[in-house]
Amino acid sequence: MANWYHRNPLKATSKVTFDLGLVATTVPARSICHELGALRQRLLKLLVDPALDPETIRPDLQQYLSLLMGFVTAPDNSQHTMSQLRGLILFKWTDSVQPKSTPAMMEPDAMFELCSMLFLWGLWLTKHAAKVCSKEEVKQDEAKDVHLSLRQAAGIFKLIRDKYAPNLQSQPKPDHDLHMDILETYVNQCLAEAQEVTVARAIELKHEPSLIAALAKETARAYERADLALRPCDPKLMAKWSKYMEFKQWCFETCAHIYYAEQLLKEEKVGAGLAVLTGADESYKKALEMAKLYGRSEGIGVSAKPAEHCFFRRLGTQITQTRRKLERENGLIYHQRVPGSAPAFTLKAQYGISEPVEPEFDFTPDERWKTAYGAFDLNKMPEEVIDRKVRAKHSKEKPDNEAAVEPVHEKPIFPTDKDPKNESGCVIS
């Protein structure tokens, strides 16, 4: 089965040891710095593999965030609100939406590190969901994992957008990960993909066509919102990603029209149902065109092959089969005139709308910061910088601010080449 999801590459970063040398004057202070460096390296190694269980990564990430927060906010027993240590360390990160040749963003801001690591976690959750979906057969618990992972990713991107990115010392530039437009796109894409699971489940369980149509319509709207958020961005950079959103929008518009026609048949409004299927034809053609443009467009990301996916291919067959059924019923029983335009889509989804899951991480600084915070002597910072430059001349290891960005060797996601044997055409139903 063809790859159904577009995924942007993971963010890359340089090694950060958190070695503050003379500035950290006590063993507890140096211990926090050492543990931060080790945790960071371990997390970066884990997050290249989307097949891992999220629960095996979450404890390390929680511990890293708790320790890092001491560089962001001061502990409760301090007279400061923001940590005085926030600008001590330089962090470098690439962007998931920029070409590999683009220089990494460099910020001496622990808040930048917090946003970037959370962003990496959110991106990993989307890749984990895609990895689970790549199996030949996905069990019900795994489908729940996909649905939850995508909603959790949406919650992470929303948290960065609403709480942390606005408080960066340097405001993010357009076309970069931490800019509001990019974060808004990720939030809506994650929610739309989570809702795909709900649509597939509703089809598989043969729920009322009105419910399926309403859910599919809401999914199309979520993809439309994601695409609209990209419009202010550089079209050359975002073309491929944008076409993916447009394809998915028209794909689920088609699905909504098909099931709306089925609902109108149940209501004995066959003529109106046939008019709605004309709209399904138009949406399907637009989706095919977007799929072609997606394949030809420049831009970042691991390309999907959405037009080859079983779910989309079955929509074309469904249009034909549903039209034949309605024409047969109209010819034998109803004899209704087919109006020149389809009725307005008035169905509203009352259930199944995906919402972001708020992150369960504790962003309170680790308890050790209450004693360690005062043990960082900022007056020794110039002396430490000079000493570090001297040591660098006699050492192969560069200091953190000169360390190169390390390439990310992501483990690939290989989709199954078999179509699912079910009603919806989705493995995650």
Protein backbone atom coordinates (compact mmCIF):
# COMPACT_ATOMS: atom_id res chain seq x y z
CA MET A 1 0.00 0.00 0.00
CA ALA A 2 1.43 3.37 -1.03
CA ASN A 3 2.79 5.84 1.50
CA TRP A 4 -0.15 7.97 2.65
CA TYR A 5 1.60 10.52 4.88
CA HIS A 6 3.91 13.41 4.06
CA ARG A 7 6.59 13.77 6.72
CA ASN A 8 9.17 16.53 7.07
CA PRO A 9 12.68 15.57 8.28
CA LEU A 10 13.68 15.58 11.91
CA LYS A 11 15.49 18.61 13.27
CA ALA A 12 19.26 18.29 13.61
CA THR A 13 21.38 19.86 16.32
CA SER A 14 24.95 20.18 17.52
CA LYS A 15 26.30 18.42 20.59
CA VAL A 16 25.76 20.36 23.82
CA THR A 17 27.69 19.22 26.89
CA PHE A 18 26.35 21.89 29.28
CA ASP A 19 29.93 22.13 30.56
CA LEU A 20 30.08 25.50 32.30
CA GLY A 21 33.42 24.82 33.96
CA LEU A 22 34.27 27.51 36.50
CA VAL A 23 30.75 28.94 36.46
CA ALA A 24 29.31 25.83 38.16
CA THR A 25 30.99 26.11 41.56
CA THR A 26 29.55 23.11 43.42
CA VAL A 27 29.20 19.38 42.83
CA PRO A 28 25.34 19.54 42.61
CA ALA A 29 25.56 22.31 39.99
CA ARG A 30 28.11 20.38 37.92
CA SER A 31 26.06 17.19 38.35
CA ILE A 32 22.99 18.85 36.81
CA CYS A 33 25.06 20.04 33.83
CA HIS A 34 26.61 16.61 33.31
CA GLU A 35 23.23 14.86 33.51
CA LEU A 36 21.67 17.31 31.05
CA GLY A 37 24.39 16.62 28.48
CA ALA A 38 24.04 12.85 28.85
CA LEU A 39 20.23 12.92 28.70
CA ARG A 40 20.27 15.10 25.61
CA GLN A 41 22.59 12.74 23.74
CA ARG A 42 20.48 9.73 24.73
CA LEU A 43 17.26 11.40 23.58
CA LEU A 44 18.73 12.37 20.22
CA LYS A 45 19.76 8.74 19.63
CA LEU A 46 16.33 7.41 20.57
CA LEU A 47 14.33 9.87 18.49
CA VAL A 48 15.70 8.64 15.15
CA ASP A 49 13.67 5.42 15.48
CA PRO A 50 9.89 5.84 14.96
CA ALA A 51 9.27 2.18 15.83
CA LEU A 52 10.01 2.68 19.53
CA ASP A 53 7.25 2.74 22.12
CA PRO A 54 6.69 6.39 23.17
CA GLU A 55 6.59 5.29 26.81
CA THR A 56 10.22 4.14 26.60
CA ILE A 57 11.30 7.67 25.65
CA ARG A 58 8.96 9.76 27.79
CA PRO A 59 10.76 9.29 31.18
CA ASP A 60 14.09 10.51 29.77
CA LEU A 61 12.38 13.44 28.09
CA GLN A 62 10.56 14.36 31.31
CA GLN A 63 13.82 14.29 33.26
CA TYR A 64 15.59 16.38 30.61
CA LEU A 65 12.81 18.99 30.62
CA SER A 66 12.79 19.18 34.43
CA LEU A 67 16.53 19.83 34.51
CA LEU A 68 16.47 22.20 31.53
CA MET A 69 13.73 24.30 33.12
CA GLY A 70 16.26 25.50 35.69
CA PHE A 71 17.92 27.37 32.82
CA VAL A 72 14.53 28.81 31.77
CA THR A 73 12.70 29.72 34.98
CA ALA A 74 14.15 30.30 38.43
CA PRO A 75 13.24 27.86 41.25
CA ASP A 76 10.53 28.78 43.76
CA ASN A 77 12.99 29.84 46.44
CA SER A 78 14.70 32.38 44.16
CA GLN A 79 13.97 36.11 43.97
CA HIS A 80 14.10 35.91 40.17
CA THR A 81 11.21 35.02 37.86
CA MET A 82 13.23 34.06 34.81
CA SER A 83 16.45 32.12 35.29
CA GLN A 84 19.61 34.23 35.22
CA LEU A 85 21.28 31.26 33.50
CA ARG A 86 19.01 31.38 30.45
CA GLY A 87 21.60 32.85 28.06
CA LEU A 88 24.70 30.95 29.20
CA ILE A 89 24.67 28.23 26.53
CA LEU A 90 24.46 28.51 22.75
CA PHE A 91 22.07 26.07 21.06
CA LYS A 92 22.02 25.20 17.36
CA TRP A 93 19.07 23.60 15.58
CA THR A 94 18.09 23.12 11.96
CA ASP A 95 14.50 23.50 10.76
CA SER A 96 12.24 20.67 9.56
CA VAL A 97 10.89 22.92 6.79
CA GLN A 98 14.21 24.21 5.44
CA PRO A 99 16.62 22.55 2.95
CA LYS A 100 19.62 20.73 4.43
CA SER A 101 21.92 23.42 3.03
CA THR A 102 20.31 26.09 5.22
CA PRO A 103 22.55 27.11 8.15
CA ALA A 104 21.35 26.08 11.58
CA MET A 105 19.63 28.60 13.81
CA MET A 106 21.88 29.62 16.73
CA GLU A 107 20.46 31.11 19.90
CA PRO A 108 22.00 31.61 23.37
CA ASP A 109 18.59 30.96 24.89
CA ALA A 110 17.47 27.96 26.95
CA MET A 111 13.88 28.74 25.90
CA PHE A 112 14.97 28.09 22.30
CA GLU A 113 16.29 24.70 23.39
CA LEU A 114 13.01 23.95 25.20
CA CYS A 115 10.93 24.82 22.12
CA SER A 116 13.22 22.89 19.77
CA MET A 117 13.32 19.71 21.87
CA LEU A 118 9.54 19.77 22.31
CA PHE A 119 9.16 20.33 18.57
CA LEU A 120 11.41 17.34 17.88
CA TRP A 121 9.24 15.23 20.18
CA GLY A 122 6.07 16.35 18.41
CA LEU A 123 7.60 15.57 15.03
CA TRP A 124 8.72 12.16 16.27
CA LEU A 125 5.17 11.36 17.41
CA THR A 126 3.90 12.00 13.86
CA LYS A 127 6.56 9.68 12.47
CA HIS A 128 5.72 7.04 15.06
CA ALA A 129 2.08 7.19 13.94
CA ALA A 130 3.13 6.80 10.29
CA LYS A 131 5.37 3.86 11.23
CA VAL A 132 2.53 2.02 12.98
CA CYS A 133 0.30 2.64 9.94
CA SER A 134 2.92 1.12 7.62
CA LYS A 135 2.14 -2.38 8.87
CA GLU A 136 0.22 -4.87 6.76
CA GLU A 137 -2.38 -5.23 9.51
CA VAL A 138 -2.91 -2.76 12.36
CA LYS A 139 -4.67 -4.02 15.48
CA GLN A 140 -7.24 -1.98 17.38
CA ASP A 141 -4.78 -1.04 20.15
CA GLU A 142 -2.31 0.13 17.52
CA ALA A 143 -4.98 2.23 15.82
CA LYS A 144 -5.64 3.86 19.20
CA ASP A 145 -1.89 4.49 19.49
CA VAL A 146 -1.89 6.25 16.09
CA HIS A 147 -4.90 8.38 17.03
CA LEU A 148 -3.44 9.32 20.42
CA SER A 149 0.06 10.01 19.08
CA LEU A 150 -1.25 12.45 16.49
CA ARG A 151 -3.41 14.26 19.03
CA GLN A 152 -0.47 14.40 21.44
CA ALA A 153 1.69 15.86 18.67
CA ALA A 154 -0.97 18.50 18.04
CA GLY A 155 -0.92 19.29 21.76
CA ILE A 156 2.86 19.72 21.73
CA PHE A 157 2.82 22.07 18.73
CA LYS A 158 -0.06 24.01 20.29
CA LEU A 159 1.83 24.39 23.58
CA ILE A 160 4.89 25.74 21.76
CA ARG A 161 2.71 28.10 19.71
CA ASP A 162 0.70 29.45 22.62
CA LYS A 163 3.10 29.46 25.57
CA TYR A 164 6.78 29.17 24.75
CA ALA A 165 7.54 30.48 21.24
CA PRO A 166 6.06 33.95 22.01
CA ASN A 167 8.59 34.26 24.87
CA LEU A 168 11.74 33.55 22.87
CA GLN A 169 14.41 36.24 23.13
CA SER A 170 14.65 36.36 19.32
CA GLN A 171 11.31 36.08 17.58
CA PRO A 172 11.23 33.26 14.98
CA LYS A 173 11.61 34.27 11.35
CA PRO A 174 9.02 33.33 8.70
CA ASP A 175 9.48 29.88 7.13
CA HIS A 176 11.11 28.49 10.27
CA ASP A 177 9.80 25.82 12.63
CA LEU A 178 8.97 28.04 15.59
CA HIS A 179 7.11 30.66 13.55
CA MET A 180 3.37 30.83 14.26
CA ASP A 181 2.38 29.90 10.68
CA ILE A 182 4.43 26.69 10.70
CA LEU A 183 3.23 25.68 14.17
CA GLU A 184 -0.39 26.36 13.14
CA THR A 185 0.08 24.12 10.11
CA TYR A 186 1.47 21.28 12.19
CA VAL A 187 -1.39 21.54 14.71
CA ASN A 188 -4.04 21.28 12.00
CA GLN A 189 -2.25 18.57 10.03
CA CYS A 190 -1.95 16.39 13.14
CA LEU A 191 -5.61 16.87 14.04
CA ALA A 192 -6.72 16.16 10.48
CA GLU A 193 -4.67 12.96 10.33
CA ALA A 194 -6.04 11.87 13.71
CA GLN A 195 -9.53 12.44 12.40
CA GLU A 196 -8.77 10.18 9.43
CA VAL A 197 -8.62 7.34 11.96
CA THR A 198 -12.11 8.27 13.17
CA VAL A 199 -13.48 8.41 9.62
CA ALA A 200 -11.99 5.01 8.78
CA ARG A 201 -13.39 3.53 11.98
CA ALA A 202 -16.86 4.92 11.27
CA ILE A 203 -16.79 3.42 7.76
CA GLU A 204 -15.59 0.06 9.05
CA LEU A 205 -18.33 -0.12 11.70
CA LYS A 206 -20.94 0.96 9.14
CA HIS A 207 -22.13 3.98 11.09
CA GLU A 208 -24.84 6.21 9.66
CA PRO A 209 -23.73 7.83 6.38
CA SER A 210 -24.66 11.23 7.85
CA LEU A 211 -22.04 10.79 10.59
CA ILE A 212 -19.35 9.61 8.15
CA ALA A 213 -20.10 12.49 5.78
CA ALA A 214 -19.93 15.06 8.57
CA LEU A 215 -16.64 13.67 9.91
CA ALA A 216 -15.10 13.57 6.44
CA LYS A 217 -16.20 17.16 5.83
CA GLU A 218 -14.61 18.30 9.09
CA THR A 219 -11.41 16.45 8.16
CA ALA A 220 -11.33 18.28 4.83
CA ARG A 221 -11.76 21.59 6.66
CA ALA A 222 -8.86 20.78 8.99
CA TYR A 223 -6.59 20.17 6.00
CA GLU A 224 -7.83 23.41 4.46
CA ARG A 225 -6.90 25.29 7.65
CA ALA A 226 -3.45 23.69 7.59
CA ASP A 227 -2.93 24.78 3.99
CA LEU A 228 -4.18 28.31 4.65
CA ALA A 229 -1.63 28.67 7.46
CA LEU A 230 1.11 27.96 4.91
CA ARG A 231 -0.04 30.62 2.44
CA PRO A 232 2.09 33.48 3.91
CA CYS A 233 5.20 31.27 3.65
CA ASP A 234 7.68 30.98 0.78
CA PRO A 235 5.82 28.97 -1.90
CA LYS A 236 9.04 27.43 -3.21
CA LEU A 237 9.83 25.95 0.19
CA MET A 238 6.29 24.89 1.07
CA ALA A 239 4.94 23.82 -2.35
CA LYS A 240 5.12 20.06 -1.76
CA TRP A 241 3.75 20.26 1.78
CA SER A 242 0.95 22.56 0.62
CA LYS A 243 -0.07 20.22 -2.22
CA TYR A 244 -0.26 17.36 0.27
CA MET A 245 -2.75 19.37 2.33
CA GLU A 246 -4.76 20.25 -0.77
CA PHE A 247 -4.83 16.63 -1.92
CA LYS A 248 -6.10 15.46 1.46
CA GLN A 249 -8.67 18.28 1.54
CA TRP A 250 -10.20 17.24 -1.80
CA CYS A 251 -9.88 13.55 -0.95
CA PHE A 252 -12.06 13.96 2.13
CA GLU A 253 -14.38 16.37 0.33
CA THR A 254 -14.98 13.48 -2.08
CA CYS A 255 -15.60 11.10 0.80
CA ALA A 256 -18.04 13.57 2.38
CA HIS A 257 -19.99 13.93 -0.89
CA ILE A 258 -20.29 10.16 -1.37
CA TYR A 259 -21.71 9.54 2.09
CA TYR A 260 -23.90 12.63 1.92
CA ALA A 261 -25.43 11.14 -1.24
CA GLU A 262 -25.98 7.87 0.66
CA GLN A 263 -27.73 9.81 3.43
CA LEU A 264 -29.98 11.59 0.93
CA LEU A 265 -30.94 8.20 -0.48
CA LYS A 266 -32.00 7.13 3.03
CA GLU A 267 -34.10 10.29 3.20
CA GLU A 268 -35.65 9.43 -0.21
CA LYS A 269 -34.08 12.53 -1.81
CA VAL A 270 -32.48 10.61 -4.65
CA GLY A 271 -32.46 13.48 -7.16
CA ALA A 272 -30.54 15.67 -4.72
CA GLY A 273 -28.21 12.74 -3.99
CA LEU A 274 -27.33 12.43 -7.68
CA ALA A 275 -26.56 16.15 -7.78
CA VAL A 276 -24.25 15.71 -4.78
CA LEU A 277 -22.38 12.96 -6.63
CA THR A 278 -21.58 15.47 -9.37
CA GLY A 279 -19.74 17.38 -6.65
CA ALA A 280 -17.95 14.16 -5.68
CA ASP A 281 -16.71 13.81 -9.27
CA GLU A 282 -15.36 17.35 -9.21
CA SER A 283 -13.63 16.88 -5.85
CA TYR A 284 -12.08 13.60 -6.99
CA LYS A 285 -10.66 15.24 -10.12
CA LYS A 286 -9.19 18.06 -8.02
CA ALA A 287 -7.61 15.51 -5.69
CA LEU A 288 -6.03 13.69 -8.65
CA GLU A 289 -4.66 16.98 -9.96
CA MET A 290 -3.22 17.87 -6.54
CA ALA A 291 -1.58 14.44 -6.34
CA LYS A 292 0.14 15.06 -9.68
CA LEU A 293 1.27 18.52 -8.60
CA TYR A 294 2.51 17.08 -5.31
CA GLY A 295 4.72 14.63 -7.18
CA ARG A 296 6.18 17.41 -9.35
CA SER A 297 6.55 20.06 -6.64
CA GLU A 298 9.81 21.06 -5.05
CA GLY A 299 10.16 21.18 -1.30
CA ILE A 300 11.23 19.31 1.77
CA GLY A 301 9.84 16.11 3.22
CA VAL A 302 9.58 12.40 2.54
CA SER A 303 7.20 12.17 -0.38
CA ALA A 304 3.99 10.23 -0.09
CA LYS A 305 2.19 8.56 -3.00
CA PRO A 306 -1.36 9.44 -1.97
CA ALA A 307 -3.11 8.79 -5.29
CA GLU A 308 -1.92 5.16 -5.19
CA HIS A 309 -3.33 4.52 -1.72
CA CYS A 310 -6.18 2.04 -1.43
CA PHE A 311 -8.48 4.46 0.43
CA PHE A 312 -8.28 7.02 -2.36
CA ARG A 313 -8.55 4.49 -5.19
CA ARG A 314 -11.70 3.05 -3.62
CA LEU A 315 -13.32 6.49 -3.58
CA GLY A 316 -13.36 6.51 -7.39
CA THR A 317 -15.05 3.11 -7.42
CA GLN A 318 -17.50 4.23 -4.71
CA ILE A 319 -18.62 7.22 -6.78
CA THR A 320 -19.49 4.93 -9.70
CA GLN A 321 -21.22 2.32 -7.53
CA THR A 322 -23.21 4.89 -5.54
CA ARG A 323 -24.32 6.68 -8.70
CA ARG A 324 -25.53 3.41 -10.24
CA LYS A 325 -27.46 2.58 -7.08
CA LEU A 326 -29.15 6.00 -6.94
CA GLU A 327 -29.95 5.99 -10.67
CA ARG A 328 -31.47 2.52 -10.36
CA GLU A 329 -33.62 3.53 -7.38
CA ASN A 330 -34.65 6.76 -9.07
CA GLY A 331 -35.59 4.98 -12.28
CA LEU A 332 -37.59 2.25 -10.55
CA ILE A 333 -39.20 4.08 -7.63
CA TYR A 334 -38.70 7.80 -7.10
CA HIS A 335 -38.60 9.38 -10.59
CA GLN A 336 -37.16 12.60 -9.14
CA ARG A 337 -35.66 15.39 -11.20
CA VAL A 338 -31.94 15.92 -10.66
CA PRO A 339 -31.44 19.59 -9.71
CA GLY A 340 -28.83 21.67 -11.51
CA SER A 341 -26.94 22.32 -8.28
CA ALA A 342 -26.38 20.20 -5.20
CA PRO A 343 -28.07 21.11 -1.90
CA ALA A 344 -25.95 22.89 0.69
CA PHE A 345 -23.94 20.61 2.96
CA THR A 346 -25.69 21.11 6.30
CA LEU A 347 -24.46 18.09 8.25
CA LYS A 348 -22.51 18.86 11.41
CA ALA A 349 -20.29 16.36 13.21
CA GLN A 350 -21.51 16.00 16.79
CA TYR A 351 -19.01 13.29 17.72
CA GLY A 352 -15.49 12.21 16.79
CA ILE A 353 -13.88 15.63 16.35
CA SER A 354 -10.19 15.34 17.22
CA GLU A 355 -8.81 17.75 19.81
CA PRO A 356 -5.20 18.30 20.88
CA VAL A 357 -4.09 16.33 23.94
CA GLU A 358 -2.41 18.61 26.45
CA PRO A 359 1.12 17.38 27.25
CA GLU A 360 1.40 15.61 30.59
CA PHE A 361 4.97 16.77 31.19
CA ASP A 362 5.80 18.60 34.41
CA PHE A 363 7.58 21.82 33.47
CA THR A 364 8.57 22.66 37.05
CA PRO A 365 12.36 22.84 37.57
CA ASP A 366 13.84 19.76 39.22
CA GLU A 367 14.01 19.97 43.04
CA ARG A 368 17.81 19.96 42.90
CA TRP A 369 17.72 23.44 41.38
CA LYS A 370 16.67 24.92 44.75
CA THR A 371 20.18 24.30 46.09
CA ALA A 372 22.13 24.33 42.82
CA TYR A 373 20.77 27.56 41.31
CA GLY A 374 22.79 29.87 43.56
CA ALA A 375 25.96 27.86 42.91
CA PHE A 376 26.35 29.21 39.36
CA ASP A 377 28.72 32.19 39.54
CA LEU A 378 28.04 34.41 36.52
CA ASN A 379 31.02 36.63 37.42
CA LYS A 380 33.30 33.80 36.34
CA MET A 381 31.81 33.58 32.85
CA PRO A 382 34.40 35.78 31.04
CA GLU A 383 37.21 33.84 32.74
CA GLU A 384 35.65 30.55 31.69
CA VAL A 385 35.29 31.68 28.05
CA ILE A 386 38.99 32.63 27.90
CA ASP A 387 40.03 29.38 29.57
CA ARG A 388 37.90 27.34 27.16
CA LYS A 389 39.46 28.99 24.11
CA VAL A 390 42.93 28.15 25.42
CA ARG A 391 41.94 24.53 26.03
CA ALA A 392 40.36 24.28 22.56
CA LYS A 393 43.73 24.99 20.92
CA HIS A 394 45.14 21.82 22.49
CA SER A 395 42.09 19.62 22.08
CA LYS A 396 40.34 17.94 19.15
CA GLU A 397 36.96 18.48 20.81
CA LYS A 398 35.48 21.87 20.01
CA PRO A 399 33.56 23.87 22.62
CA ASP A 400 29.77 23.81 22.39
CA ASN A 401 29.52 27.11 20.54
CA GLU A 402 31.82 25.84 17.77
CA ALA A 403 30.45 22.28 17.53
CA ALA A 404 29.08 21.28 14.13
CA VAL A 405 25.49 20.23 13.61
CA GLU A 406 25.38 16.45 13.61
CA PRO A 407 23.44 14.81 10.74
CA VAL A 408 20.32 12.87 11.67
CA HIS A 409 20.21 9.28 10.41
CA GLU A 410 16.48 8.61 10.55
CA LYS A 411 15.33 5.03 10.36
CA PRO A 412 13.12 4.82 7.25
CA ILE A 413 9.43 3.97 7.20
CA PHE A 414 8.59 1.33 4.59
CA PRO A 415 4.86 1.03 3.82
CA THR A 416 3.35 -2.37 3.13
CA ASP A 417 2.72 -3.23 -0.52
CA LYS A 418 -0.60 -4.97 0.23
CA ASP A 419 -4.06 -3.43 0.35
CA PRO A 420 -6.09 -4.02 3.53
CA LYS A 421 -9.00 -6.43 3.25
CA ASN A 422 -11.63 -4.27 4.87
CA GLU A 423 -14.44 -1.84 4.13
CA SER A 424 -12.60 1.46 4.43
CA GLY A 425 -9.34 0.72 2.63
CA CYS A 426 -7.40 1.96 5.68
CA VAL A 427 -5.19 -0.24 7.84
CA ILE A 428 -5.99 1.90 10.90
CA SER A 429 -9.74 1.36 10.98
